[in-house]
């Protein structure tokens, strides 16, 4: 994905998104080569941690609800946690088609 494509998907002008991408590159989460942005293994791991943190936050909001009493919530929460980081197309870019969902 190019920086321009990422900016369009994020709904921001490229010049506004560039400093954010530069920080991701500097931190080692994204690699930039020939104008193409690619997530690094470190970036994939960080994205996985974000999904896990989102799951934990959602679980806190649902404290007192039993997964055994509401098994449908486990899958839904996992999907919500992963998808709240971006749309399905974003996830395929970040995870190359593999979604890091928490075990149900």
PDB file of N, CA and C in Angstrom:
ATOM      1  N   UNK A   1       0.853  -1.152   0.000  1.00  0.00           N
ATOM      2  CA  UNK A   1       0.000   0.000   0.000  1.00  0.00           C
ATOM      3  C   UNK A   1       0.911   1.231   0.000  1.00  0.00           C
ATOM      4  N   UNK A   2       0.530   2.214  -0.759  1.00  0.00           N
ATOM      5  CA  UNK A   2       1.315   3.454  -0.781  1.00  0.00           C
ATOM      6  C   UNK A   2       0.813   4.395   0.311  1.00  0.00           C
ATOM      7  N   UNK A   3       1.616   5.398   0.599  1.00  0.00           N
ATOM      8  CA  UNK A   3       1.213   6.394   1.573  1.00  0.00           C
ATOM      9  C   UNK A   3      -0.054   7.112   1.144  1.00  0.00           C
ATOM     10  N   UNK A   4      -0.185   7.393  -0.150  1.00  0.00           N
ATOM     11  CA  UNK A   4      -1.377   8.066  -0.665  1.00  0.00           C
ATOM     12  C   UNK A   4      -2.612   7.181  -0.476  1.00  0.00           C
ATOM     13  N   UNK A   5      -2.478   5.880  -0.717  1.00  0.00           N
ATOM     14  CA  UNK A   5      -3.600   4.956  -0.520  1.00  0.00           C
ATOM     15  C   UNK A   5      -3.998   4.891   0.950  1.00  0.00           C
ATOM     16  N   UNK A   6      -3.004   4.855   1.816  1.00  0.00           N
ATOM     17  CA  UNK A   6      -3.283   4.816   3.248  1.00  0.00           C
ATOM     18  C   UNK A   6      -3.985   6.095   3.698  1.00  0.00           C
ATOM     19  N   UNK A   7      -3.506   7.227   3.220  1.00  0.00           N
ATOM     20  CA  UNK A   7      -4.127   8.508   3.571  1.00  0.00           C
ATOM     21  C   UNK A   7      -5.577   8.550   3.089  1.00  0.00           C
ATOM     22  N   UNK A   8      -5.819   8.087   1.878  1.00  0.00           N
ATOM     23  CA  UNK A   8      -7.185   8.069   1.349  1.00  0.00           C
ATOM     24  C   UNK A   8      -8.077   7.168   2.205  1.00  0.00           C
ATOM     25  N   UNK A   9      -7.571   5.991   2.551  1.00  0.00           N
ATOM     26  CA  UNK A   9      -8.351   5.063   3.377  1.00  0.00           C
ATOM     27  C   UNK A   9      -8.625   5.658   4.759  1.00  0.00           C
ATOM     28  N   UNK A  10      -7.660   6.422   5.283  1.00  0.00           N
ATOM     29  CA  UNK A  10      -7.828   7.040   6.602  1.00  0.00           C
ATOM     30  C   UNK A  10      -8.641   8.328   6.536  1.00  0.00           C
ATOM     31  N   UNK A  11      -8.864   8.831   5.312  1.00  0.00           N
ATOM     32  CA  UNK A  11      -9.646  10.049   5.155  1.00  0.00           C
ATOM     33  C   UNK A  11      -8.908  11.305   5.537  1.00  0.00           C
ATOM     34  N   UNK A  12      -7.583  11.287   5.346  1.00  0.00           N
ATOM     35  CA  UNK A  12      -6.786  12.475   5.646  1.00  0.00           C
ATOM     36  C   UNK A  12      -5.917  12.807   4.438  1.00  0.00           C
ATOM     37  N   UNK A  13      -5.512  14.065   4.292  1.00  0.00           N
ATOM     38  CA  UNK A  13      -4.592  14.412   3.210  1.00  0.00           C
ATOM     39  C   UNK A  13      -3.232  13.753   3.472  1.00  0.00           C
ATOM     40  N   UNK A  14      -2.533  13.339   2.413  1.00  0.00           N
ATOM     41  CA  UNK A  14      -1.232  12.678   2.592  1.00  0.00           C
ATOM     42  C   UNK A  14      -0.256  13.471   3.453  1.00  0.00           C
ATOM     43  N   UNK A  15      -0.249  14.794   3.310  1.00  0.00           N
ATOM     44  CA  UNK A  15       0.700  15.595   4.101  1.00  0.00           C
ATOM     45  C   UNK A  15       0.363  15.556   5.594  1.00  0.00           C
ATOM     46  N   UNK A  16      -0.880  15.311   5.920  1.00  0.00           N
ATOM     47  CA  UNK A  16      -1.254  15.196   7.335  1.00  0.00           C
ATOM     48  C   UNK A  16      -0.909  13.812   7.889  1.00  0.00           C
ATOM     49  N   UNK A  17      -1.041  12.800   7.070  1.00  0.00           N
ATOM     50  CA  UNK A  17      -0.748  11.436   7.509  1.00  0.00           C
ATOM     51  C   UNK A  17       0.734  11.099   7.516  1.00  0.00           C
ATOM     52  N   UNK A  18       1.514  11.779   6.701  1.00  0.00           N
ATOM     53  CA  UNK A  18       2.938  11.448   6.569  1.00  0.00           C
ATOM     54  C   UNK A  18       3.700  11.461   7.894  1.00  0.00           C
ATOM     55  N   UNK A  19       3.509  12.470   8.771  1.00  0.00           N
ATOM     56  CA  UNK A  19       4.241  12.440  10.047  1.00  0.00           C
ATOM     57  C   UNK A  19       3.901  11.207  10.897  1.00  0.00           C
ATOM     58  N   UNK A  20       2.655  10.778  10.829  1.00  0.00           N
ATOM     59  CA  UNK A  20       2.254   9.580  11.582  1.00  0.00           C
ATOM     60  C   UNK A  20       2.950   8.346  11.024  1.00  0.00           C
ATOM     61  N   UNK A  21       2.969   8.233   9.707  1.00  0.00           N
ATOM     62  CA  UNK A  21       3.641   7.098   9.077  1.00  0.00           C
ATOM     63  C   UNK A  21       5.136   7.157   9.352  1.00  0.00           C
ATOM     64  N   UNK A  22       5.712   8.342   9.304  1.00  0.00           N
ATOM     65  CA  UNK A  22       7.145   8.485   9.605  1.00  0.00           C
ATOM     66  C   UNK A  22       7.463   7.948  11.000  1.00  0.00           C
ATOM     67  N   UNK A  23       6.588   8.237  11.974  1.00  0.00           N
ATOM     68  CA  UNK A  23       6.807   7.729  13.332  1.00  0.00           C
ATOM     69  C   UNK A  23       6.718   6.201  13.375  1.00  0.00           C
ATOM     70  N   UNK A  24       5.777   5.641  12.624  1.00  0.00           N
ATOM     71  CA  UNK A  24       5.655   4.174  12.565  1.00  0.00           C
ATOM     72  C   UNK A  24       6.892   3.551  11.930  1.00  0.00           C
ATOM     73  N   UNK A  25       7.410   4.195  10.891  1.00  0.00           N
ATOM     74  CA  UNK A  25       8.633   3.710  10.240  1.00  0.00           C
ATOM     75  C   UNK A  25       9.806   3.813  11.208  1.00  0.00           C
ATOM     76  N   UNK A  26       9.940   4.966  11.861  1.00  0.00           N
ATOM     77  CA  UNK A  26      11.043   5.175  12.809  1.00  0.00           C
ATOM     78  C   UNK A  26      10.996   4.178  13.961  1.00  0.00           C
ATOM     79  N   UNK A  27       9.778   3.802  14.381  1.00  0.00           N
ATOM     80  CA  UNK A  27       9.621   2.859  15.490  1.00  0.00           C
ATOM     81  C   UNK A  27       9.813   1.406  15.045  1.00  0.00           C
ATOM     82  N   UNK A  28       9.888   1.173  13.725  1.00  0.00           N
ATOM     83  CA  UNK A  28      10.101  -0.181  13.227  1.00  0.00           C
ATOM     84  C   UNK A  28       8.832  -0.984  13.001  1.00  0.00           C
ATOM     85  N   UNK A  29       7.658  -0.322  13.062  1.00  0.00           N
ATOM     86  CA  UNK A  29       6.393  -1.023  12.857  1.00  0.00           C
ATOM     87  C   UNK A  29       6.021  -1.151  11.385  1.00  0.00           C
ATOM     88  N   UNK A  30       6.533  -0.236  10.576  1.00  0.00           N
ATOM     89  CA  UNK A  30       6.241  -0.203   9.149  1.00  0.00           C
ATOM     90  C   UNK A  30       7.552   0.025   8.413  1.00  0.00           C
ATOM     91  N   UNK A  31       7.702  -0.648   7.267  1.00  0.00           N
ATOM     92  CA  UNK A  31       8.861  -0.426   6.403  1.00  0.00           C
ATOM     93  C   UNK A  31       8.383   0.328   5.168  1.00  0.00           C
ATOM     94  N   UNK A  32       9.229   1.208   4.665  1.00  0.00           N
ATOM     95  CA  UNK A  32       8.911   1.977   3.465  1.00  0.00           C
ATOM     96  C   UNK A  32       9.997   1.678   2.449  1.00  0.00           C
ATOM     97  N   UNK A  33       9.585   1.193   1.286  1.00  0.00           N
ATOM     98  CA  UNK A  33      10.548   0.914   0.213  1.00  0.00           C
ATOM     99  C   UNK A  33       9.890   1.243  -1.119  1.00  0.00           C
ATOM    100  N   UNK A  34      10.530   2.089  -1.889  1.00  0.00           N
ATOM    101  CA  UNK A  34      10.014   2.481  -3.205  1.00  0.00           C
ATOM    102  C   UNK A  34       8.582   2.999  -3.126  1.00  0.00           C
ATOM    103  N   UNK A  35       8.272   3.739  -2.065  1.00  0.00           N
ATOM    104  CA  UNK A  35       6.951   4.329  -1.922  1.00  0.00           C
ATOM    105  C   UNK A  35       5.875   3.389  -1.410  1.00  0.00           C
ATOM    106  N   UNK A  36       6.253   2.147  -1.118  1.00  0.00           N
ATOM    107  CA  UNK A  36       5.286   1.160  -0.641  1.00  0.00           C
ATOM    108  C   UNK A  36       5.498   0.939   0.850  1.00  0.00           C
ATOM    109  N   UNK A  37       4.403   0.936   1.601  1.00  0.00           N
ATOM    110  CA  UNK A  37       4.449   0.707   3.047  1.00  0.00           C
ATOM    111  C   UNK A  37       4.098  -0.754   3.324  1.00  0.00           C
ATOM    112  N   UNK A  38       4.896  -1.379   4.172  1.00  0.00           N
ATOM    113  CA  UNK A  38       4.670  -2.774   4.533  1.00  0.00           C
ATOM    114  C   UNK A  38       4.802  -2.912   6.035  1.00  0.00           C
ATOM    115  N   UNK A  39       3.862  -3.603   6.644  1.00  0.00           N
ATOM    116  CA  UNK A  39       3.947  -3.816   8.086  1.00  0.00           C
ATOM    117  C   UNK A  39       5.071  -4.809   8.372  1.00  0.00           C
ATOM    118  N   UNK A  40       5.804  -4.552   9.435  1.00  0.00           N
ATOM    119  CA  UNK A  40       6.910  -5.419   9.847  1.00  0.00           C
ATOM    120  C   UNK A  40       6.402  -6.436  10.871  1.00  0.00           C
ATOM    121  N   UNK A  41       7.206  -7.446  11.172  1.00  0.00           N
ATOM    122  CA  UNK A  41       6.799  -8.367  12.243  1.00  0.00           C
ATOM    123  C   UNK A  41       6.527  -7.641  13.559  1.00  0.00           C
ATOM    124  N   UNK A  42       7.314  -6.610  13.855  1.00  0.00           N
ATOM    125  CA  UNK A  42       7.080  -5.826  15.071  1.00  0.00           C
ATOM    126  C   UNK A  42       5.734  -5.112  14.994  1.00  0.00           C
ATOM    127  N   UNK A  43       5.379  -4.621  13.811  1.00  0.00           N
ATOM    128  CA  UNK A  43       4.096  -3.968  13.615  1.00  0.00           C
ATOM    129  C   UNK A  43       2.939  -4.936  13.771  1.00  0.00           C
ATOM    130  N   UNK A  44       3.110  -6.145  13.238  1.00  0.00           N
ATOM    131  CA  UNK A  44       2.071  -7.165  13.394  1.00  0.00           C
ATOM    132  C   UNK A  44       1.871  -7.504  14.858  1.00  0.00           C
ATOM    133  N   UNK A  45       2.974  -7.634  15.592  1.00  0.00           N
ATOM    134  CA  UNK A  45       2.888  -7.952  17.023  1.00  0.00           C
ATOM    135  C   UNK A  45       2.185  -6.821  17.774  1.00  0.00           C
ATOM    136  N   UNK A  46       2.517  -5.578  17.437  1.00  0.00           N
ATOM    137  CA  UNK A  46       1.870  -4.431  18.096  1.00  0.00           C
ATOM    138  C   UNK A  46       0.376  -4.408  17.784  1.00  0.00           C
ATOM    139  N   UNK A  47       0.014  -4.693  16.546  1.00  0.00           N
ATOM    140  CA  UNK A  47      -1.406  -4.726  16.181  1.00  0.00           C
ATOM    141  C   UNK A  47      -2.119  -5.821  16.972  1.00  0.00           C
ATOM    142  N   UNK A  48      -1.466  -6.956  17.149  1.00  0.00           N
ATOM    143  CA  UNK A  48      -2.044  -8.033  17.954  1.00  0.00           C
ATOM    144  C   UNK A  48      -2.260  -7.606  19.387  1.00  0.00           C
ATOM    145  N   UNK A  49      -1.295  -6.850  19.930  1.00  0.00           N
ATOM    146  CA  UNK A  49      -1.443  -6.350  21.308  1.00  0.00           C
ATOM    147  C   UNK A  49      -2.604  -5.360  21.408  1.00  0.00           C
ATOM    148  N   UNK A  50      -2.790  -4.546  20.374  1.00  0.00           N
ATOM    149  CA  UNK A  50      -3.915  -3.614  20.366  1.00  0.00           C
ATOM    150  C   UNK A  50      -5.246  -4.363  20.373  1.00  0.00           C
ATOM    151  N   UNK A  51      -5.331  -5.430  19.594  1.00  0.00           N
ATOM    152  CA  UNK A  51      -6.555  -6.231  19.568  1.00  0.00           C
ATOM    153  C   UNK A  51      -6.802  -6.837  20.944  1.00  0.00           C
ATOM    154  N   UNK A  52      -5.759  -7.380  21.550  1.00  0.00           N
ATOM    155  CA  UNK A  52      -5.906  -7.980  22.884  1.00  0.00           C
ATOM    156  C   UNK A  52      -6.336  -6.931  23.912  1.00  0.00           C
ATOM    157  N   UNK A  53      -5.747  -5.746  23.843  1.00  0.00           N
ATOM    158  CA  UNK A  53      -6.127  -4.679  24.770  1.00  0.00           C
ATOM    159  C   UNK A  53      -7.583  -4.279  24.563  1.00  0.00           C
ATOM    160  N   UNK A  54      -8.015  -4.228  23.314  1.00  0.00           N
ATOM    161  CA  UNK A  54      -9.409  -3.891  23.018  1.00  0.00           C
ATOM    162  C   UNK A  54     -10.329  -4.972  23.588  1.00  0.00           C
ATOM    163  N   UNK A  55      -9.932  -6.237  23.446  1.00  0.00           N
ATOM    164  CA  UNK A  55     -10.728  -7.335  24.014  1.00  0.00           C
ATOM    165  C   UNK A  55     -10.837  -7.207  25.526  1.00  0.00           C
ATOM    166  N   UNK A  56      -9.736  -6.883  26.175  1.00  0.00           N
ATOM    167  CA  UNK A  56      -9.756  -6.728  27.633  1.00  0.00           C
ATOM    168  C   UNK A  56     -10.671  -5.577  28.049  1.00  0.00           C
ATOM    169  N   UNK A  57     -10.619  -4.486  27.313  1.00  0.00           N
ATOM    170  CA  UNK A  57     -11.486  -3.349  27.614  1.00  0.00           C
ATOM    171  C   UNK A  57     -12.957  -3.699  27.433  1.00  0.00           C
ATOM    172  N   UNK A  58     -13.255  -4.394  26.359  1.00  0.00           N
ATOM    173  CA  UNK A  58     -14.633  -4.811  26.139  1.00  0.00           C
ATOM    174  C   UNK A  58     -15.087  -5.769  27.232  1.00  0.00           C
ATOM    175  N   UNK A  59     -14.194  -6.655  27.634  1.00  0.00           N
ATOM    176  CA  UNK A  59     -14.542  -7.613  28.687  1.00  0.00           C
ATOM    177  C   UNK A  59     -14.843  -6.881  29.995  1.00  0.00           C
ATOM    178  N   UNK A  60     -14.083  -5.824  30.296  1.00  0.00           N
ATOM    179  CA  UNK A  60     -14.353  -5.043  31.517  1.00  0.00           C
ATOM    180  C   UNK A  60     -15.748  -4.426  31.466  1.00  0.00           C
ATOM    181  N   UNK A  61     -16.144  -3.965  30.287  1.00  0.00           N
ATOM    182  CA  UNK A  61     -17.476  -3.374  30.143  1.00  0.00           C
ATOM    183  C   UNK A  61     -18.576  -4.410  30.343  1.00  0.00           C
ATOM    184  N   UNK A  62     -18.226  -5.653  30.101  1.00  0.00           N
ATOM    185  CA  UNK A  62     -19.222  -6.720  30.214  1.00  0.00           C
ATOM    186  C   UNK A  62     -19.005  -7.559  31.465  1.00  0.00           C
ATOM    187  N   UNK A  63     -18.309  -7.003  32.434  1.00  0.00           N
ATOM    188  CA  UNK A  63     -18.051  -7.736  33.679  1.00  0.00           C
ATOM    189  C   UNK A  63     -19.371  -8.231  34.251  1.00  0.00           C
ATOM    190  N   UNK A  64     -19.348  -9.455  34.703  1.00  0.00           N
ATOM    191  CA  UNK A  64     -20.551 -10.052  35.262  1.00  0.00           C
ATOM    192  C   UNK A  64     -21.305 -10.907  34.254  1.00  0.00           C
ATOM    193  N   UNK A  65     -20.994 -10.740  32.969  1.00  0.00           N
ATOM    194  CA  UNK A  65     -21.609 -11.578  31.951  1.00  0.00           C
ATOM    195  C   UNK A  65     -20.770 -12.839  31.832  1.00  0.00           C
ATOM    196  N   UNK A  66     -21.374 -13.948  31.837  1.00  0.00           N
ATOM    197  CA  UNK A  66     -20.668 -15.228  31.752  1.00  0.00           C
ATOM    198  C   UNK A  66     -20.586 -15.696  30.302  1.00  0.00           C
ATOM    199  N   UNK A  67     -19.360 -15.995  29.809  1.00  0.00           N
ATOM    200  CA  UNK A  67     -19.243 -16.535  28.450  1.00  0.00           C
ATOM    201  C   UNK A  67     -20.040 -17.835  28.279  1.00  0.00           C
ATOM    202  N   UNK A  68     -20.149 -18.609  29.356  1.00  0.00           N
ATOM    203  CA  UNK A  68     -20.915 -19.848  29.267  1.00  0.00           C
ATOM    204  C   UNK A  68     -22.401 -19.552  29.088  1.00  0.00           C
ATOM    205  N   UNK A  69     -22.871 -18.466  29.719  1.00  0.00           N
ATOM    206  CA  UNK A  69     -24.274 -18.094  29.590  1.00  0.00           C
ATOM    207  C   UNK A  69     -24.565 -17.390  28.265  1.00  0.00           C
ATOM    208  N   UNK A  70     -23.517 -16.778  27.679  1.00  0.00           N
ATOM    209  CA  UNK A  70     -23.673 -16.021  26.434  1.00  0.00           C
ATOM    210  C   UNK A  70     -22.535 -16.368  25.472  1.00  0.00           C
ATOM    211  N   UNK A  71     -22.470 -17.623  24.987  1.00  0.00           N
ATOM    212  CA  UNK A  71     -21.346 -18.026  24.130  1.00  0.00           C
ATOM    213  C   UNK A  71     -21.249 -17.206  22.847  1.00  0.00           C
ATOM    214  N   UNK A  72     -22.367 -16.642  22.397  1.00  0.00           N
ATOM    215  CA  UNK A  72     -22.331 -15.843  21.171  1.00  0.00           C
ATOM    216  C   UNK A  72     -21.489 -14.580  21.350  1.00  0.00           C
ATOM    217  N   UNK A  73     -21.321 -14.109  22.580  1.00  0.00           N
ATOM    218  CA  UNK A  73     -20.536 -12.897  22.824  1.00  0.00           C
ATOM    219  C   UNK A  73     -19.051 -13.105  22.595  1.00  0.00           C
ATOM    220  N   UNK A  74     -18.544 -14.294  22.862  1.00  0.00           N
ATOM    221  CA  UNK A  74     -17.108 -14.534  22.719  1.00  0.00           C
ATOM    222  C   UNK A  74     -16.656 -14.241  21.292  1.00  0.00           C
ATOM    223  N   UNK A  75     -17.334 -14.823  20.321  1.00  0.00           N
ATOM    224  CA  UNK A  75     -16.985 -14.589  18.922  1.00  0.00           C
ATOM    225  C   UNK A  75     -17.224 -13.159  18.494  1.00  0.00           C
ATOM    226  N   UNK A  76     -18.336 -12.597  18.939  1.00  0.00           N
ATOM    227  CA  UNK A  76     -18.650 -11.215  18.576  1.00  0.00           C
ATOM    228  C   UNK A  76     -17.629 -10.242  19.154  1.00  0.00           C
ATOM    229  N   UNK A  77     -17.227 -10.446  20.390  1.00  0.00           N
ATOM    230  CA  UNK A  77     -16.237  -9.555  21.008  1.00  0.00           C
ATOM    231  C   UNK A  77     -14.902  -9.660  20.297  1.00  0.00           C
ATOM    232  N   UNK A  78     -14.524 -10.858  19.923  1.00  0.00           N
ATOM    233  CA  UNK A  78     -13.269 -11.040  19.191  1.00  0.00           C
ATOM    234  C   UNK A  78     -13.318 -10.294  17.864  1.00  0.00           C
ATOM    235  N   UNK A  79     -14.430 -10.439  17.153  1.00  0.00           N
ATOM    236  CA  UNK A  79     -14.583  -9.731  15.884  1.00  0.00           C
ATOM    237  C   UNK A  79     -14.589  -8.232  16.080  1.00  0.00           C
ATOM    238  N   UNK A  80     -15.322  -7.762  17.074  1.00  0.00           N
ATOM    239  CA  UNK A  80     -15.394  -6.323  17.350  1.00  0.00           C
ATOM    240  C   UNK A  80     -14.017  -5.772  17.706  1.00  0.00           C
ATOM    241  N   UNK A  81     -13.274  -6.496  18.515  1.00  0.00           N
ATOM    242  CA  UNK A  81     -11.941  -6.036  18.910  1.00  0.00           C
ATOM    243  C   UNK A  81     -11.034  -5.904  17.700  1.00  0.00           C
ATOM    244  N   UNK A  82     -11.052  -6.897  16.828  1.00  0.00           N
ATOM    245  CA  UNK A  82     -10.191  -6.861  15.645  1.00  0.00           C
ATOM    246  C   UNK A  82     -10.660  -5.807  14.653  1.00  0.00           C
ATOM    247  N   UNK A  83     -11.964  -5.742  14.418  1.00  0.00           N
ATOM    248  CA  UNK A  83     -12.485  -4.840  13.401  1.00  0.00           C
ATOM    249  C   UNK A  83     -12.503  -3.388  13.848  1.00  0.00           C
ATOM    250  N   UNK A  84     -12.438  -3.136  15.149  1.00  0.00           N
ATOM    251  CA  UNK A  84     -12.440  -1.753  15.603  1.00  0.00           C
ATOM    252  C   UNK A  84     -11.126  -1.057  15.284  1.00  0.00           C
ATOM    253  N   UNK A  85     -10.123  -1.819  14.894  1.00  0.00           N
ATOM    254  CA  UNK A  85      -8.848  -1.218  14.490  1.00  0.00           C
ATOM    255  C   UNK A  85      -8.861  -0.794  13.036  1.00  0.00           C
ATOM    256  N   UNK A  86      -9.859  -1.190  12.285  1.00  0.00           N
ATOM    257  CA  UNK A  86      -9.960  -0.812  10.882  1.00  0.00           C
ATOM    258  C   UNK A  86     -10.989  -1.686  10.203  1.00  0.00           C
ATOM    259  N   UNK A  87     -11.170  -1.448   8.913  1.00  0.00           N
ATOM    260  CA  UNK A  87     -12.148  -2.266   8.219  1.00  0.00           C
ATOM    261  C   UNK A  87     -11.512  -3.569   7.764  1.00  0.00           C
ATOM    262  N   UNK A  88     -12.306  -4.429   7.182  1.00  0.00           N
ATOM    263  CA  UNK A  88     -11.832  -5.756   6.761  1.00  0.00           C
ATOM    264  C   UNK A  88     -10.644  -5.639   5.818  1.00  0.00           C
ATOM    265  N   UNK A  89     -10.691  -4.683   4.906  1.00  0.00           N
ATOM    266  CA  UNK A  89      -9.576  -4.500   3.982  1.00  0.00           C
ATOM    267  C   UNK A  89      -8.311  -4.120   4.735  1.00  0.00           C
ATOM    268  N   UNK A  90      -8.438  -3.280   5.778  1.00  0.00           N
ATOM    269  CA  UNK A  90      -7.275  -2.915   6.579  1.00  0.00           C
ATOM    270  C   UNK A  90      -6.677  -4.153   7.222  1.00  0.00           C
ATOM    271  N   UNK A  91      -7.521  -4.996   7.763  1.00  0.00           N
ATOM    272  CA  UNK A  91      -7.043  -6.203   8.429  1.00  0.00           C
ATOM    273  C   UNK A  91      -6.284  -7.101   7.484  1.00  0.00           C
ATOM    274  N   UNK A  92      -6.739  -7.197   6.257  1.00  0.00           N
ATOM    275  CA  UNK A  92      -6.034  -8.039   5.288  1.00  0.00           C
ATOM    276  C   UNK A  92      -4.665  -7.449   4.973  1.00  0.00           C
ATOM    277  N   UNK A  93      -4.582  -6.128   4.947  1.00  0.00           N
ATOM    278  CA  UNK A  93      -3.284  -5.502   4.713  1.00  0.00           C
ATOM    279  C   UNK A  93      -2.372  -5.747   5.913  1.00  0.00           C
ATOM    280  N   UNK A  94      -2.904  -5.528   7.113  1.00  0.00           N
ATOM    281  CA  UNK A  94      -2.096  -5.672   8.318  1.00  0.00           C
ATOM    282  C   UNK A  94      -1.689  -7.118   8.546  1.00  0.00           C
ATOM    283  N   UNK A  95      -2.618  -8.028   8.342  1.00  0.00           N
ATOM    284  CA  UNK A  95      -2.361  -9.422   8.686  1.00  0.00           C
ATOM    285  C   UNK A  95      -2.233 -10.325   7.473  1.00  0.00           C
ATOM    286  N   UNK A  96      -2.205  -9.768   6.299  1.00  0.00           N
ATOM    287  CA  UNK A  96      -2.108 -10.556   5.078  1.00  0.00           C
ATOM    288  C   UNK A  96      -3.129 -11.685   5.073  1.00  0.00           C
ATOM    289  N   UNK A  97      -4.362 -11.347   5.477  1.00  0.00           N
ATOM    290  CA  UNK A  97      -5.452 -12.311   5.432  1.00  0.00           C
ATOM    291  C   UNK A  97      -5.630 -13.098   6.694  1.00  0.00           C
ATOM    292  N   UNK A  98      -4.708 -13.044   7.643  1.00  0.00           N
ATOM    293  CA  UNK A  98      -4.824 -13.778   8.893  1.00  0.00           C
ATOM    294  C   UNK A  98      -5.250 -12.823   9.992  1.00  0.00           C
ATOM    295  N   UNK A  99      -6.390 -13.081  10.613  1.00  0.00           N
ATOM    296  CA  UNK A  99      -6.911 -12.201  11.646  1.00  0.00           C
ATOM    297  C   UNK A  99      -6.504 -12.757  13.025  1.00  0.00           C
ATOM    298  N   UNK A 100      -5.877 -11.931  13.867  1.00  0.00           N
ATOM    299  CA  UNK A 100      -5.470 -12.410  15.191  1.00  0.00           C
ATOM    300  C   UNK A 100      -6.622 -12.318  16.184  1.00  0.00           C
ATOM    301  N   UNK A 101      -7.453 -13.308  16.198  1.00  0.00           N
ATOM    302  CA  UNK A 101      -8.589 -13.289  17.124  1.00  0.00           C
ATOM    303  C   UNK A 101      -8.262 -14.052  18.374  1.00  0.00           C
ATOM    304  N   UNK A 102      -8.787 -13.591  19.479  1.00  0.00           N
ATOM    305  CA  UNK A 102      -8.575 -14.264  20.763  1.00  0.00           C
ATOM    306  C   UNK A 102      -9.271 -15.614  20.734  1.00  0.00           C
ATOM    307  N   UNK A 103      -8.721 -16.536  21.476  1.00  0.00           N
ATOM    308  CA  UNK A 103      -9.332 -17.861  21.548  1.00  0.00           C
ATOM    309  C   UNK A 103     -10.704 -17.760  22.175  1.00  0.00           C
ATOM    310  N   UNK A 104     -11.633 -18.540  21.641  1.00  0.00           N
ATOM    311  CA  UNK A 104     -12.975 -18.507  22.222  1.00  0.00           C
ATOM    312  C   UNK A 104     -13.159 -19.604  23.223  1.00  0.00           C
TER     313      UNK A 104
END
